Amino acid sequence: MEIKGKIYCFFEQSGTFKNEFRKLGYEAEDYDIQNEYGETDHICDLFAEIEAGYDGKPSIFDEITPDDLVLAFFPCINFCDAKTMMFKGVSIFQRGWPLSKIMRENVKFAQVRQYFFEILLKFVAICDEKIIRLIIENPWNASGETYLQRNFIAPTFIDKDRSRRGDYFVKPTAYWFIGCKNTIGYSEQKDKQIKVVYKVHASKEETGVCNAARSEISPDYARNFICDFILGKVQPNTLPTLF
């Protein structure tokens, strides 16, 4: 993919992908409502921007051109399999709850999830209408339990084991390429220490429904993903057998 313009990293405050793009000579900036890592270049409410853009009002999308690229790490907490378990009433966070409490809490969860899903649909619609190239990242599950697996368009591809490209975790991640095509690359790293994604006997404090550590992506993975799937850039010491 040729990128003549700017990379907009939506819902990223870590600077991970932004900084790897910059190392490769591209203009890239982070956009998020939070700045916990001190890397957010533009602190803004992207949901409000999406709502405005969808309604035809002035928004951030007015400045994005077909030469640019939007890479969006759309909030996944309401779509993940952990949330599905809560809807089924079998989550560890609901142990000891009476059925009435589970149902009442799930009413709130359902309303929030519906809102997030509507925002995602509007986001994709805006980018398609404005001919904005968009890549969306979200977790995947081999069991087919996530909300997007059952209710959203099929992903372009699934990176089934991020650790093979140098990430901290062994877990699958789905990517949707909207208005653009992915390339196929072959970066592989076997020297990265793998983190434990799930602890069988972990406490609520250790796991958390939205634990920040579990959502982090390593700079190595970001670089390899960018080169493999966005730029089609061959790197030294890569293996042509990975994907």
Protein backbone atom coordinates (compact mmCIF):
# COMPACT_ATOMS: atom_id res chain seq x y z
CA MET A 1 0.00 0.00 0.00
CA GLU A 2 1.33 3.43 -0.92
CA ILE A 3 0.71 6.12 1.68
CA LYS A 4 1.40 9.63 0.42
CA GLY A 5 -0.38 11.38 3.26
CA LYS A 6 -0.70 11.00 7.01
CA ILE A 7 -1.49 8.06 9.27
CA TYR A 8 -4.23 8.74 11.80
CA CYS A 9 -3.94 6.30 14.71
CA PHE A 10 -7.41 6.38 16.24
CA PHE A 11 -8.04 5.11 19.78
CA GLU A 12 -4.28 4.76 20.35
CA GLN A 13 -2.67 6.57 23.27
CA SER A 14 0.42 4.40 23.65
CA GLY A 15 2.19 5.74 20.57
CA THR A 16 3.24 2.20 19.64
CA PHE A 17 2.14 2.15 16.00
CA LYS A 18 2.56 5.89 15.60
CA ASN A 19 6.21 5.76 16.59
CA GLU A 20 6.95 2.78 14.33
CA PHE A 21 5.40 4.61 11.38
CA ARG A 22 7.54 7.63 12.19
CA LYS A 23 10.69 5.49 12.28
CA LEU A 24 9.80 4.40 8.76
CA GLY A 25 9.58 8.03 7.63
CA TYR A 26 5.81 8.58 7.73
CA GLU A 27 3.79 11.33 9.34
CA ALA A 28 1.65 9.73 12.04
CA GLU A 29 -0.29 10.98 15.06
CA ASP A 30 -2.33 9.47 17.89
CA TYR A 31 -5.94 10.45 18.57
CA ASP A 32 -7.69 9.39 21.77
CA ILE A 33 -9.77 10.77 24.62
CA GLN A 34 -7.12 9.68 27.14
CA ASN A 35 -3.41 10.35 27.50
CA GLU A 36 -2.21 7.90 30.15
CA TYR A 37 1.04 7.18 28.27
CA GLY A 38 1.80 10.81 27.46
CA GLU A 39 1.82 9.98 23.74
CA THR A 40 -1.60 11.22 22.59
CA ASP A 41 -1.02 14.00 20.07
CA HIS A 42 -4.69 14.99 19.86
CA ILE A 43 -6.92 14.47 22.90
CA CYS A 44 -10.41 14.33 21.47
CA ASP A 45 -13.71 12.47 21.75
CA LEU A 46 -13.63 10.29 18.66
CA PHE A 47 -17.14 9.01 19.32
CA ALA A 48 -18.41 12.59 19.14
CA GLU A 49 -16.43 13.12 15.94
CA ILE A 50 -17.96 9.99 14.42
CA GLU A 51 -21.47 11.09 15.41
CA ALA A 52 -20.86 14.52 13.88
CA GLY A 53 -19.39 13.11 10.69
CA TYR A 54 -22.25 10.66 10.28
CA ASP A 55 -24.78 13.49 10.63
CA GLY A 56 -23.00 15.57 8.01
CA LYS A 57 -21.62 18.08 10.51
CA PRO A 58 -18.02 19.37 10.64
CA SER A 59 -15.71 16.69 12.02
CA ILE A 60 -12.17 15.34 11.95
CA PHE A 61 -13.10 13.32 8.86
CA ASP A 62 -13.23 16.54 6.83
CA GLU A 63 -9.44 16.81 7.02
CA ILE A 64 -8.67 13.19 6.07
CA THR A 65 -7.96 12.56 2.39
CA PRO A 66 -7.77 9.42 0.21
CA ASP A 67 -3.96 9.71 0.44
CA ASP A 68 -4.13 9.22 4.21
CA LEU A 69 -4.73 6.09 6.27
CA VAL A 70 -6.77 5.62 9.44
CA LEU A 71 -5.60 2.80 11.71
CA ALA A 72 -8.24 2.29 14.41
CA PHE A 73 -7.90 0.23 17.58
CA PHE A 74 -11.63 0.41 18.19
CA PRO A 75 -12.58 -0.17 21.88
CA CYS A 76 -13.21 -3.89 22.24
CA ILE A 77 -14.46 -4.28 25.82
CA ASN A 78 -18.11 -4.53 24.79
CA PHE A 79 -17.43 -7.00 21.97
CA CYS A 80 -15.05 -9.47 23.61
CA ASP A 81 -15.80 -13.02 24.75
CA ALA A 82 -15.50 -11.95 28.40
CA LYS A 83 -18.52 -9.71 27.93
CA THR A 84 -20.38 -12.56 26.22
CA MET A 85 -19.81 -14.69 29.31
CA MET A 86 -21.34 -11.94 31.42
CA PHE A 87 -24.43 -11.92 29.23
CA LYS A 88 -24.67 -15.67 29.75
CA GLY A 89 -24.32 -15.21 33.50
CA VAL A 90 -21.26 -17.44 33.75
CA SER A 91 -18.52 -14.87 34.27
CA ILE A 92 -16.25 -15.08 37.31
CA PHE A 93 -17.20 -11.46 37.99
CA GLN A 94 -20.82 -12.53 38.60
CA ARG A 95 -20.18 -15.31 41.09
CA GLY A 96 -22.64 -15.14 43.94
CA TRP A 97 -24.91 -12.69 42.19
CA PRO A 98 -28.66 -13.41 42.28
CA LEU A 99 -30.24 -13.86 38.86
CA SER A 100 -32.10 -10.57 39.19
CA LYS A 101 -28.84 -8.65 39.60
CA ILE A 102 -27.28 -10.41 36.60
CA MET A 103 -30.28 -9.47 34.44
CA ARG A 104 -30.39 -5.87 35.65
CA GLU A 105 -26.68 -5.38 35.03
CA ASN A 106 -26.98 -7.02 31.62
CA VAL A 107 -29.66 -4.51 30.64
CA LYS A 108 -27.07 -1.78 31.18
CA PHE A 109 -24.39 -3.78 29.35
CA ALA A 110 -26.71 -4.34 26.39
CA GLN A 111 -27.45 -0.64 26.06
CA VAL A 112 -23.78 0.31 26.14
CA ARG A 113 -22.81 -2.42 23.68
CA GLN A 114 -25.52 -1.36 21.27
CA TYR A 115 -24.19 2.20 21.39
CA PHE A 116 -20.61 1.09 20.73
CA PHE A 117 -21.75 -1.12 17.86
CA GLU A 118 -23.72 1.73 16.28
CA ILE A 119 -20.65 3.95 16.53
CA LEU A 120 -18.58 1.30 14.76
CA LEU A 121 -21.14 0.99 11.95
CA LYS A 122 -21.25 4.77 11.53
CA PHE A 123 -17.46 4.92 11.54
CA VAL A 124 -17.19 2.44 8.67
CA ALA A 125 -20.00 4.17 6.75
CA ILE A 126 -18.26 7.56 6.96
CA CYS A 127 -14.94 6.21 5.75
CA ASP A 128 -16.55 4.35 2.86
CA GLU A 129 -18.55 7.41 1.77
CA LYS A 130 -15.55 9.75 2.01
CA ILE A 131 -13.17 7.25 0.36
CA ILE A 132 -10.99 7.13 3.46
CA ARG A 133 -8.73 4.09 3.79
CA LEU A 134 -9.40 2.41 7.10
CA ILE A 135 -7.91 -0.50 9.06
CA ILE A 136 -9.75 -1.70 12.17
CA GLU A 137 -8.19 -3.95 14.81
CA ASN A 138 -10.15 -6.04 17.30
CA PRO A 139 -9.67 -9.29 19.25
CA TRP A 140 -10.81 -12.60 17.83
CA ASN A 141 -11.74 -15.94 19.35
CA ALA A 142 -11.48 -19.37 17.76
CA SER A 143 -14.74 -20.40 19.44
CA GLY A 144 -16.67 -17.68 17.64
CA GLU A 145 -17.89 -16.09 20.86
CA THR A 146 -17.13 -12.42 20.24
CA TYR A 147 -19.95 -10.08 19.29
CA LEU A 148 -18.31 -8.88 16.08
CA GLN A 149 -17.78 -12.45 14.90
CA ARG A 150 -21.52 -12.99 14.97
CA ASN A 151 -22.83 -9.58 13.94
CA PHE A 152 -20.26 -7.67 11.87
CA ILE A 153 -18.80 -8.08 8.39
CA ALA A 154 -16.09 -10.72 8.07
CA PRO A 155 -12.54 -9.52 8.78
CA THR A 156 -10.02 -9.26 5.99
CA PHE A 157 -7.74 -11.64 7.84
CA ILE A 158 -6.88 -12.94 11.30
CA ASP A 159 -3.37 -12.92 12.71
CA LYS A 160 -3.76 -16.13 14.69
CA ASP A 161 -0.66 -15.86 16.87
CA ARG A 162 0.71 -12.37 17.43
CA SER A 163 3.73 -13.71 19.30
CA ARG A 164 5.16 -15.05 16.04
CA ARG A 165 5.56 -11.45 14.88
CA GLY A 166 7.25 -10.38 18.09
CA ASP A 167 4.31 -9.54 20.34
CA TYR A 168 4.01 -10.28 24.04
CA PHE A 169 0.91 -12.42 23.66
CA VAL A 170 -0.23 -15.65 22.07
CA LYS A 171 -3.71 -14.66 20.95
CA PRO A 172 -5.55 -14.05 17.66
CA THR A 173 -6.42 -10.60 16.40
CA ALA A 174 -8.72 -9.70 13.51
CA TYR A 175 -8.19 -6.88 11.04
CA TRP A 176 -10.64 -5.23 8.69
CA PHE A 177 -9.19 -3.39 5.69
CA ILE A 178 -11.86 -0.97 4.43
CA GLY A 179 -11.21 0.78 1.12
CA CYS A 180 -7.73 -0.72 0.83
CA LYS A 181 -6.01 -4.06 0.40
CA ASN A 182 -3.52 -5.71 2.70
CA THR A 183 -0.18 -7.05 1.63
CA ILE A 184 1.28 -10.34 2.87
CA GLY A 185 4.64 -10.38 4.62
CA TYR A 186 6.72 -12.88 6.51
CA SER A 187 8.31 -11.36 9.59
CA GLU A 188 8.87 -13.80 12.41
CA GLN A 189 10.60 -13.41 15.76
CA LYS A 190 11.23 -16.22 18.21
CA ASP A 191 13.25 -14.33 20.83
CA LYS A 192 10.36 -12.43 22.46
CA GLN A 193 9.37 -13.41 25.98
CA ILE A 194 5.70 -14.39 25.86
CA LYS A 195 3.41 -13.01 28.54
CA VAL A 196 0.65 -15.06 30.16
CA VAL A 197 -2.62 -13.86 28.64
CA TYR A 198 -4.96 -15.62 31.05
CA LYS A 199 -4.22 -16.97 34.52
CA VAL A 200 -6.43 -19.89 35.45
CA HIS A 201 -6.66 -18.86 39.09
CA ALA A 202 -6.14 -15.13 38.65
CA SER A 203 -8.01 -12.67 40.81
CA LYS A 204 -10.33 -10.00 39.46
CA GLU A 205 -7.64 -7.42 40.15
CA GLU A 206 -5.09 -9.38 38.08
CA THR A 207 -7.28 -10.04 35.07
CA GLY A 208 -9.91 -7.32 34.92
CA VAL A 209 -12.43 -7.07 32.12
CA CYS A 210 -10.38 -4.29 30.54
CA ASN A 211 -6.87 -4.80 31.88
CA ALA A 212 -4.46 -2.41 30.14
CA ALA A 213 -1.57 -4.89 30.15
CA ARG A 214 -3.63 -7.43 28.21
CA SER A 215 -4.34 -4.91 25.45
CA GLU A 216 -0.76 -3.74 24.92
CA ILE A 217 1.02 -4.47 21.65
CA SER A 218 4.81 -4.58 21.44
CA PRO A 219 6.77 -2.19 19.20
CA ASP A 220 8.28 -5.22 17.45
CA TYR A 221 4.85 -6.48 16.51
CA ALA A 222 3.76 -3.02 15.37
CA ARG A 223 6.78 -2.71 13.08
CA ASN A 224 6.36 -6.20 11.66
CA PHE A 225 2.63 -5.73 11.12
CA ILE A 226 3.16 -2.43 9.34
CA CYS A 227 5.82 -3.92 7.07
CA ASP A 228 4.00 -7.20 6.48
CA PHE A 229 0.41 -6.08 5.94
CA ILE A 230 0.38 -2.36 5.17
CA LEU A 231 3.57 -1.48 3.32
CA GLY A 232 4.62 -4.84 1.92
CA LYS A 233 8.14 -3.98 3.00
CA VAL A 234 10.70 -6.79 3.12
CA GLN A 235 12.80 -6.72 6.27
CA PRO A 236 16.18 -8.33 6.95
CA ASN A 237 16.16 -11.82 8.48
CA THR A 238 12.50 -12.54 7.68
CA LEU A 239 11.14 -16.02 7.03
CA PRO A 240 8.95 -16.73 3.94
CA THR A 241 6.99 -19.46 5.73
CA LEU A 242 4.96 -17.64 8.35
CA PHE A 243 1.62 -16.68 6.84
